[in-house]
C-alpha atoms as a PDB file:
ATOM      1  CA  UNK A   1      19.310  12.097  15.977  1.00  0.00           C
ATOM      2  CA  UNK A   2      18.300   8.497  16.693  1.00  0.00           C
ATOM      3  CA  UNK A   3      19.260   5.622  14.440  1.00  0.00           C
ATOM      4  CA  UNK A   4      15.646   5.232  13.272  1.00  0.00           C
ATOM      5  CA  UNK A   5      15.407   8.948  12.440  1.00  0.00           C
ATOM      6  CA  UNK A   6      18.682   8.716  10.520  1.00  0.00           C
ATOM      7  CA  UNK A   7      17.377   5.698   8.597  1.00  0.00           C
ATOM      8  CA  UNK A   8      14.174   7.567   7.759  1.00  0.00           C
ATOM      9  CA  UNK A   9      16.117  10.568   6.479  1.00  0.00           C
ATOM     10  CA  UNK A  10      18.320   8.283   4.400  1.00  0.00           C
ATOM     11  CA  UNK A  11      15.340   6.497   2.828  1.00  0.00           C
ATOM     12  CA  UNK A  12      13.574   9.790   2.084  1.00  0.00           C
ATOM     13  CA  UNK A  13      16.715  11.009   0.348  1.00  0.00           C
ATOM     14  CA  UNK A  14      16.853   7.824  -1.737  1.00  0.00           C
ATOM     15  CA  UNK A  15      13.192   8.241  -2.708  1.00  0.00           C
ATOM     16  CA  UNK A  16      13.828  11.825  -3.786  1.00  0.00           C
ATOM     17  CA  UNK A  17      16.953  10.861  -5.749  1.00  0.00           C
ATOM     18  CA  UNK A  18      15.082   8.025  -7.497  1.00  0.00           C
ATOM     19  CA  UNK A  19      12.286  10.397  -8.518  1.00  0.00           C
ATOM     20  CA  UNK A  20      14.749  12.961  -9.840  1.00  0.00           C
ATOM     21  CA  UNK A  21      16.684  10.311 -11.753  1.00  0.00           C
ATOM     22  CA  UNK A  22      13.426   9.189 -13.358  1.00  0.00           C
ATOM     23  CA  UNK A  23      12.655  12.756 -14.431  1.00  0.00           C
ATOM     24  CA  UNK A  24       9.739  12.974 -12.009  1.00  0.00           C
ATOM     25  CA  UNK A  25       8.774  15.497  -9.364  1.00  0.00           C
ATOM     26  CA  UNK A  26       9.524  14.365  -5.824  1.00  0.00           C
ATOM     27  CA  UNK A  27       5.920  15.295  -5.028  1.00  0.00           C
ATOM     28  CA  UNK A  28       4.744  12.430  -7.241  1.00  0.00           C
ATOM     29  CA  UNK A  29       6.054   9.731  -4.893  1.00  0.00           C
ATOM     30  CA  UNK A  30       4.946   9.084  -1.311  1.00  0.00           C
ATOM     31  CA  UNK A  31       6.856   7.061   1.251  1.00  0.00           C
ATOM     32  CA  UNK A  32       4.747   4.724   3.359  1.00  0.00           C
ATOM     33  CA  UNK A  33       6.482   3.415   6.475  1.00  0.00           C
ATOM     34  CA  UNK A  34       5.371  -0.156   7.177  1.00  0.00           C
ATOM     35  CA  UNK A  35       5.134  -0.468  10.941  1.00  0.00           C
ATOM     36  CA  UNK A  36       3.941  -4.058  11.329  1.00  0.00           C
ATOM     37  CA  UNK A  37       5.264  -5.855  14.434  1.00  0.00           C
ATOM     38  CA  UNK A  38       6.698  -2.614  15.869  1.00  0.00           C
ATOM     39  CA  UNK A  39       5.150  -1.186  19.052  1.00  0.00           C
ATOM     40  CA  UNK A  40       3.504   2.203  19.207  1.00  0.00           C
ATOM     41  CA  UNK A  41       6.430   3.828  21.008  1.00  0.00           C
ATOM     42  CA  UNK A  42       8.789   2.858  18.175  1.00  0.00           C
ATOM     43  CA  UNK A  43       6.346   4.096  15.550  1.00  0.00           C
ATOM     44  CA  UNK A  44       6.002   7.336  17.506  1.00  0.00           C
ATOM     45  CA  UNK A  45       9.739   7.858  17.095  1.00  0.00           C
ATOM     46  CA  UNK A  46       9.297   7.774  13.320  1.00  0.00           C
ATOM     47  CA  UNK A  47       6.311  10.120  13.519  1.00  0.00           C
ATOM     48  CA  UNK A  48       8.297  12.577  15.623  1.00  0.00           C
ATOM     49  CA  UNK A  49      10.935  12.558  12.876  1.00  0.00           C
ATOM     50  CA  UNK A  50       8.305  13.936  10.499  1.00  0.00           C
ATOM     51  CA  UNK A  51       6.720  10.837   8.949  1.00  0.00           C
ATOM     52  CA  UNK A  52       2.942  10.994   8.496  1.00  0.00           C
ATOM     53  CA  UNK A  53       2.032   8.016   6.264  1.00  0.00           C
ATOM     54  CA  UNK A  54       2.082   4.524   7.780  1.00  0.00           C
ATOM     55  CA  UNK A  55       0.944   1.080   6.655  1.00  0.00           C
ATOM     56  CA  UNK A  56      -0.241  -1.887   8.707  1.00  0.00           C
ATOM     57  CA  UNK A  57      -0.936  -5.480   7.683  1.00  0.00           C
ATOM     58  CA  UNK A  58      -3.071  -6.623  10.590  1.00  0.00           C
ATOM     59  CA  UNK A  59      -6.255  -5.180  12.052  1.00  0.00           C
ATOM     60  CA  UNK A  60      -5.281  -6.157  15.584  1.00  0.00           C
ATOM     61  CA  UNK A  61      -2.073  -4.133  15.425  1.00  0.00           C
ATOM     62  CA  UNK A  62      -3.927  -1.177  13.956  1.00  0.00           C
ATOM     63  CA  UNK A  63      -6.458  -1.281  16.756  1.00  0.00           C
ATOM     64  CA  UNK A  64      -3.620  -1.230  19.290  1.00  0.00           C
ATOM     65  CA  UNK A  65      -1.467   1.501  17.742  1.00  0.00           C
ATOM     66  CA  UNK A  66      -3.630   3.959  15.852  1.00  0.00           C
ATOM     67  CA  UNK A  67      -5.538   5.342  18.879  1.00  0.00           C
ATOM     68  CA  UNK A  68      -2.205   5.933  20.663  1.00  0.00           C
ATOM     69  CA  UNK A  69      -0.536   7.887  17.899  1.00  0.00           C
ATOM     70  CA  UNK A  70      -2.735  10.878  17.171  1.00  0.00           C
ATOM     71  CA  UNK A  71      -5.204  11.944  14.508  1.00  0.00           C
ATOM     72  CA  UNK A  72      -2.632  13.698  12.312  1.00  0.00           C
ATOM     73  CA  UNK A  73      -1.223  10.441  10.902  1.00  0.00           C
ATOM     74  CA  UNK A  74      -2.526   8.728   7.762  1.00  0.00           C
ATOM     75  CA  UNK A  75      -2.979   4.954   7.956  1.00  0.00           C
ATOM     76  CA  UNK A  76      -3.163   2.533   5.021  1.00  0.00           C
ATOM     77  CA  UNK A  77      -4.255  -1.072   5.360  1.00  0.00           C
ATOM     78  CA  UNK A  78      -1.910  -3.182   3.242  1.00  0.00           C
ATOM     79  CA  UNK A  79      -2.574  -6.756   4.401  1.00  0.00           C
ATOM     80  CA  UNK A  80      -4.977  -9.344   3.039  1.00  0.00           C
ATOM     81  CA  UNK A  81      -8.453  -8.096   3.915  1.00  0.00           C
ATOM     82  CA  UNK A  82     -10.927 -10.632   5.267  1.00  0.00           C
ATOM     83  CA  UNK A  83     -14.611  -9.868   4.967  1.00  0.00           C
ATOM     84  CA  UNK A  84     -15.190 -10.367   8.697  1.00  0.00           C
ATOM     85  CA  UNK A  85     -12.665  -7.599   9.429  1.00  0.00           C
ATOM     86  CA  UNK A  86     -14.016  -5.000   6.998  1.00  0.00           C
ATOM     87  CA  UNK A  87     -16.401  -3.310   9.418  1.00  0.00           C
ATOM     88  CA  UNK A  88     -13.536  -2.667  11.850  1.00  0.00           C
ATOM     89  CA  UNK A  89     -10.887  -1.818   9.256  1.00  0.00           C
ATOM     90  CA  UNK A  90     -12.831   0.938   7.512  1.00  0.00           C
ATOM     91  CA  UNK A  91     -13.111   3.406  10.433  1.00  0.00           C
ATOM     92  CA  UNK A  92      -9.395   3.017  11.281  1.00  0.00           C
ATOM     93  CA  UNK A  93      -7.723   3.179   7.869  1.00  0.00           C
ATOM     94  CA  UNK A  94      -8.222   5.911   5.296  1.00  0.00           C
ATOM     95  CA  UNK A  95      -6.869   3.808   2.421  1.00  0.00           C
ATOM     96  CA  UNK A  96      -7.040   0.092   1.586  1.00  0.00           C
ATOM     97  CA  UNK A  97      -4.447  -1.392  -0.761  1.00  0.00           C
ATOM     98  CA  UNK A  98      -5.824  -4.922  -0.925  1.00  0.00           C
ATOM     99  CA  UNK A  99      -9.146  -5.073  -2.769  1.00  0.00           C
ATOM    100  CA  UNK A 100      -8.406  -8.460  -4.287  1.00  0.00           C
ATOM    101  CA  UNK A 101     -11.678  -9.690  -5.814  1.00  0.00           C
ATOM    102  CA  UNK A 102     -15.075  -8.514  -6.975  1.00  0.00           C
ATOM    103  CA  UNK A 103     -16.741 -10.303  -4.064  1.00  0.00           C
ATOM    104  CA  UNK A 104     -14.609  -8.282  -1.655  1.00  0.00           C
ATOM    105  CA  UNK A 105     -15.067  -5.026  -3.590  1.00  0.00           C
ATOM    106  CA  UNK A 106     -18.846  -5.370  -3.506  1.00  0.00           C
ATOM    107  CA  UNK A 107     -18.797  -6.176   0.214  1.00  0.00           C
ATOM    108  CA  UNK A 108     -16.517  -3.254   1.118  1.00  0.00           C
ATOM    109  CA  UNK A 109     -18.689  -0.932  -0.980  1.00  0.00           C
ATOM    110  CA  UNK A 110     -21.810  -2.077   0.885  1.00  0.00           C
ATOM    111  CA  UNK A 111     -20.305  -1.819   4.355  1.00  0.00           C
ATOM    112  CA  UNK A 112     -18.744   1.566   3.590  1.00  0.00           C
ATOM    113  CA  UNK A 113     -22.181   2.810   2.577  1.00  0.00           C
ATOM    114  CA  UNK A 114     -23.675   1.532   5.825  1.00  0.00           C
ATOM    115  CA  UNK A 115     -20.950   3.311   7.821  1.00  0.00           C
ATOM    116  CA  UNK A 116     -21.206   6.538   5.824  1.00  0.00           C
ATOM    117  CA  UNK A 117     -17.595   6.249   4.658  1.00  0.00           C
ATOM    118  CA  UNK A 118     -15.899   6.507   1.271  1.00  0.00           C
ATOM    119  CA  UNK A 119     -12.462   4.910   1.573  1.00  0.00           C
ATOM    120  CA  UNK A 120      -9.754   5.331  -1.027  1.00  0.00           C
ATOM    121  CA  UNK A 121      -8.891   1.906  -2.425  1.00  0.00           C
ATOM    122  CA  UNK A 122      -6.333   0.145  -4.588  1.00  0.00           C
ATOM    123  CA  UNK A 123      -7.120  -3.048  -6.468  1.00  0.00           C
ATOM    124  CA  UNK A 124      -4.502  -5.716  -5.882  1.00  0.00           C
ATOM    125  CA  UNK A 125      -3.291  -7.390  -9.080  1.00  0.00           C
ATOM    126  CA  UNK A 126      -1.748 -10.853  -8.988  1.00  0.00           C
ATOM    127  CA  UNK A 127       0.441 -10.280 -12.024  1.00  0.00           C
ATOM    128  CA  UNK A 128       2.192 -13.645 -11.800  1.00  0.00           C
ATOM    129  CA  UNK A 129      -1.101 -15.469 -11.112  1.00  0.00           C
ATOM    130  CA  UNK A 130       0.596 -17.136  -8.153  1.00  0.00           C
ATOM    131  CA  UNK A 131      -1.592 -19.541  -6.202  1.00  0.00           C
ATOM    132  CA  UNK A 132      -0.274 -18.368  -2.842  1.00  0.00           C
ATOM    133  CA  UNK A 133      -1.151 -14.709  -3.456  1.00  0.00           C
ATOM    134  CA  UNK A 134      -4.384 -12.773  -3.440  1.00  0.00           C
ATOM    135  CA  UNK A 135      -5.456 -10.454  -6.196  1.00  0.00           C
ATOM    136  CA  UNK A 136      -7.266  -9.986  -9.475  1.00  0.00           C
ATOM    137  CA  UNK A 137      -5.813 -11.442 -12.606  1.00  0.00           C
ATOM    138  CA  UNK A 138      -5.299  -8.776 -15.239  1.00  0.00           C
ATOM    139  CA  UNK A 139      -8.206 -10.170 -17.262  1.00  0.00           C
ATOM    140  CA  UNK A 140     -10.545 -10.170 -14.266  1.00  0.00           C
ATOM    141  CA  UNK A 141      -9.753  -6.585 -13.380  1.00  0.00           C
ATOM    142  CA  UNK A 142     -10.156  -5.341 -16.936  1.00  0.00           C
ATOM    143  CA  UNK A 143     -13.466  -7.198 -17.248  1.00  0.00           C
ATOM    144  CA  UNK A 144     -14.863  -5.700 -14.026  1.00  0.00           C
ATOM    145  CA  UNK A 145     -13.310  -2.241 -14.189  1.00  0.00           C
ATOM    146  CA  UNK A 146     -16.537  -0.493 -15.118  1.00  0.00           C
ATOM    147  CA  UNK A 147     -18.412  -2.024 -12.192  1.00  0.00           C
ATOM    148  CA  UNK A 148     -15.709  -0.953  -9.731  1.00  0.00           C
ATOM    149  CA  UNK A 149     -15.701   2.522 -11.214  1.00  0.00           C
ATOM    150  CA  UNK A 150     -19.447   2.826 -10.619  1.00  0.00           C
ATOM    151  CA  UNK A 151     -19.360   1.818  -6.947  1.00  0.00           C
ATOM    152  CA  UNK A 152     -20.768   4.743  -5.003  1.00  0.00           C
ATOM    153  CA  UNK A 153     -18.920   4.242  -1.717  1.00  0.00           C
ATOM    154  CA  UNK A 154     -15.382   3.531  -2.919  1.00  0.00           C
ATOM    155  CA  UNK A 155     -12.914   6.041  -4.300  1.00  0.00           C
ATOM    156  CA  UNK A 156     -10.853   3.875  -6.657  1.00  0.00           C
ATOM    157  CA  UNK A 157      -7.405   5.417  -6.568  1.00  0.00           C
ATOM    158  CA  UNK A 158      -5.226   2.904  -8.404  1.00  0.00           C
ATOM    159  CA  UNK A 159      -3.663  -0.542  -8.454  1.00  0.00           C
ATOM    160  CA  UNK A 160      -1.181  -2.420  -6.292  1.00  0.00           C
ATOM    161  CA  UNK A 161       1.080  -5.412  -6.788  1.00  0.00           C
ATOM    162  CA  UNK A 162       3.606  -7.493  -4.916  1.00  0.00           C
ATOM    163  CA  UNK A 163       5.515  -9.086  -7.789  1.00  0.00           C
ATOM    164  CA  UNK A 164       6.853 -12.626  -7.838  1.00  0.00           C
ATOM    165  CA  UNK A 165      10.004 -13.012  -5.782  1.00  0.00           C
ATOM    166  CA  UNK A 166      13.042 -11.630  -7.555  1.00  0.00           C
ATOM    167  CA  UNK A 167      16.712 -12.055  -6.744  1.00  0.00           C
ATOM    168  CA  UNK A 168      17.576  -8.494  -7.773  1.00  0.00           C
ATOM    169  CA  UNK A 169      15.663  -5.220  -8.226  1.00  0.00           C
ATOM    170  CA  UNK A 170      16.332  -5.455 -11.961  1.00  0.00           C
ATOM    171  CA  UNK A 171      14.399  -8.730 -12.098  1.00  0.00           C
ATOM    172  CA  UNK A 172      11.393  -7.003 -10.519  1.00  0.00           C
ATOM    173  CA  UNK A 173      11.388  -4.207 -13.101  1.00  0.00           C
ATOM    174  CA  UNK A 174       9.277  -6.005 -15.763  1.00  0.00           C
ATOM    175  CA  UNK A 175       6.544  -6.633 -13.190  1.00  0.00           C
ATOM    176  CA  UNK A 176       6.450  -2.972 -12.154  1.00  0.00           C
ATOM    177  CA  UNK A 177       6.345  -1.941 -15.796  1.00  0.00           C
ATOM    178  CA  UNK A 178       3.494  -4.376 -16.399  1.00  0.00           C
ATOM    179  CA  UNK A 179       1.433  -2.937 -13.546  1.00  0.00           C
ATOM    180  CA  UNK A 180       1.852   0.532 -15.033  1.00  0.00           C
ATOM    181  CA  UNK A 181       0.677  -0.820 -18.387  1.00  0.00           C
ATOM    182  CA  UNK A 182      -2.347  -2.433 -16.719  1.00  0.00           C
ATOM    183  CA  UNK A 183      -3.191   0.871 -15.038  1.00  0.00           C
ATOM    184  CA  UNK A 184      -2.988   2.610 -18.406  1.00  0.00           C
ATOM    185  CA  UNK A 185      -5.269  -0.031 -19.951  1.00  0.00           C
ATOM    186  CA  UNK A 186      -7.788   0.535 -17.151  1.00  0.00           C
ATOM    187  CA  UNK A 187      -7.727   4.292 -17.741  1.00  0.00           C
ATOM    188  CA  UNK A 188      -8.298   3.749 -21.473  1.00  0.00           C
ATOM    189  CA  UNK A 189     -11.159   1.365 -20.783  1.00  0.00           C
ATOM    190  CA  UNK A 190     -12.987   3.384 -18.126  1.00  0.00           C
ATOM    191  CA  UNK A 191     -11.959   6.969 -18.822  1.00  0.00           C
ATOM    192  CA  UNK A 192     -11.310   7.284 -15.097  1.00  0.00           C
ATOM    193  CA  UNK A 193      -8.204   8.865 -13.666  1.00  0.00           C
ATOM    194  CA  UNK A 194      -6.286   6.212 -11.716  1.00  0.00           C
ATOM    195  CA  UNK A 195      -3.152   8.000 -10.558  1.00  0.00           C
ATOM    196  CA  UNK A 196      -2.085   5.521  -7.905  1.00  0.00           C
ATOM    197  CA  UNK A 197       0.572   2.849  -8.462  1.00  0.00           C
ATOM    198  CA  UNK A 198       1.341   1.147  -5.157  1.00  0.00           C
ATOM    199  CA  UNK A 199       4.481  -0.895  -5.764  1.00  0.00           C
ATOM    200  CA  UNK A 200       8.012  -1.222  -4.472  1.00  0.00           C
ATOM    201  CA  UNK A 201       9.421  -2.190  -1.063  1.00  0.00           C
ATOM    202  CA  UNK A 202      12.712  -1.847   0.825  1.00  0.00           C
ATOM    203  CA  UNK A 203      14.672  -4.002  -1.603  1.00  0.00           C
ATOM    204  CA  UNK A 204      13.432  -2.547  -4.885  1.00  0.00           C
ATOM    205  CA  UNK A 205      11.627   0.760  -4.388  1.00  0.00           C
ATOM    206  CA  UNK A 206      14.047   2.761  -6.526  1.00  0.00           C
ATOM    207  CA  UNK A 207      13.335   0.583  -9.567  1.00  0.00           C
ATOM    208  CA  UNK A 208       9.604   0.825  -8.823  1.00  0.00           C
ATOM    209  CA  UNK A 209       9.832   4.623  -8.754  1.00  0.00           C
ATOM    210  CA  UNK A 210      11.658   4.548 -12.079  1.00  0.00           C
ATOM    211  CA  UNK A 211       8.707   2.582 -13.489  1.00  0.00           C
ATOM    212  CA  UNK A 212       6.100   5.012 -12.165  1.00  0.00           C
ATOM    213  CA  UNK A 213       5.315   4.038  -8.581  1.00  0.00           C
ATOM    214  CA  UNK A 214       3.464   6.740  -6.663  1.00  0.00           C
ATOM    215  CA  UNK A 215       3.673   5.075  -3.245  1.00  0.00           C
ATOM    216  CA  UNK A 216       6.413   2.797  -1.937  1.00  0.00           C
ATOM    217  CA  UNK A 217       6.242   0.603   1.164  1.00  0.00           C
ATOM    218  CA  UNK A 218       9.380   0.588   3.312  1.00  0.00           C
ATOM    219  CA  UNK A 219       9.821  -0.990   6.728  1.00  0.00           C
ATOM    220  CA  UNK A 220      13.059  -2.874   7.299  1.00  0.00           C
ATOM    221  CA  UNK A 221      15.247  -0.144   5.786  1.00  0.00           C
ATOM    222  CA  UNK A 222      13.956   2.166   8.530  1.00  0.00           C
ATOM    223  CA  UNK A 223      13.315  -0.049  11.552  1.00  0.00           C
ATOM    224  CA  UNK A 224      15.900  -2.747  10.901  1.00  0.00           C
ATOM    225  CA  UNK A 225      15.194  -6.455  11.138  1.00  0.00           C
ATOM    226  CA  UNK A 226      11.516  -7.068  11.816  1.00  0.00           C
ATOM    227  CA  UNK A 227      10.477  -8.177  15.261  1.00  0.00           C
ATOM    228  CA  UNK A 228       8.965 -11.662  15.273  1.00  0.00           C
ATOM    229  CA  UNK A 229       5.896 -12.634  17.225  1.00  0.00           C
ATOM    230  CA  UNK A 230       5.056 -15.740  19.194  1.00  0.00           C
ATOM    231  CA  UNK A 231       1.360 -15.629  19.807  1.00  0.00           C
ATOM    232  CA  UNK A 232       0.689 -12.044  20.862  1.00  0.00           C
ATOM    233  CA  UNK A 233       4.160 -11.430  22.275  1.00  0.00           C
ATOM    234  CA  UNK A 234       6.700  -9.408  20.374  1.00  0.00           C
ATOM    235  CA  UNK A 235      10.299 -10.611  20.726  1.00  0.00           C
END
């Protein structure tokens, strides 16, 4: 077994243990492998080890990798989504985790309708209201929840957050708990089932699972230190 396959098995075991420790079924939590900066042949190694769900941050990388890796894989777009990329992102990615404003939601809904698609989407919540991050404030999302619910071409699956930087997983816990509370408020307000909580990464996914995460994003714990790019060249 390769080192990457061993890392994947180790992370899957940690995800399962975290779910069990939280009194949850292991079927309630999905592992998304974040493959940004890694070439298709490296991602293929993870796929051959049994991983199906992958996440990418950049359209250009998705365009390069996804056609090489087979139709059986599920791809989620997890980066900031620019309106000029929407028409290309939608046919490649089944799920979008970064609907960050009503302007973007309305645009994605319109383009999806034109393309005959109905993507699953997560609304990104900027819980800390940080200026350097995208996302709805809690108030904005609650105020516009009914409009999002009524969009005909989007399947609203849940909410996502990247919490303010924390020194330890324990410090991230209140933010994960808050996102769960926001999700519950949205369900109460709209009557819609919103099962998805996209939260938790390599450094804190076990705490996120304990607080209700249904999908965790893990890259470095599987691939190792991320490859850096200069221009279009991976080093």
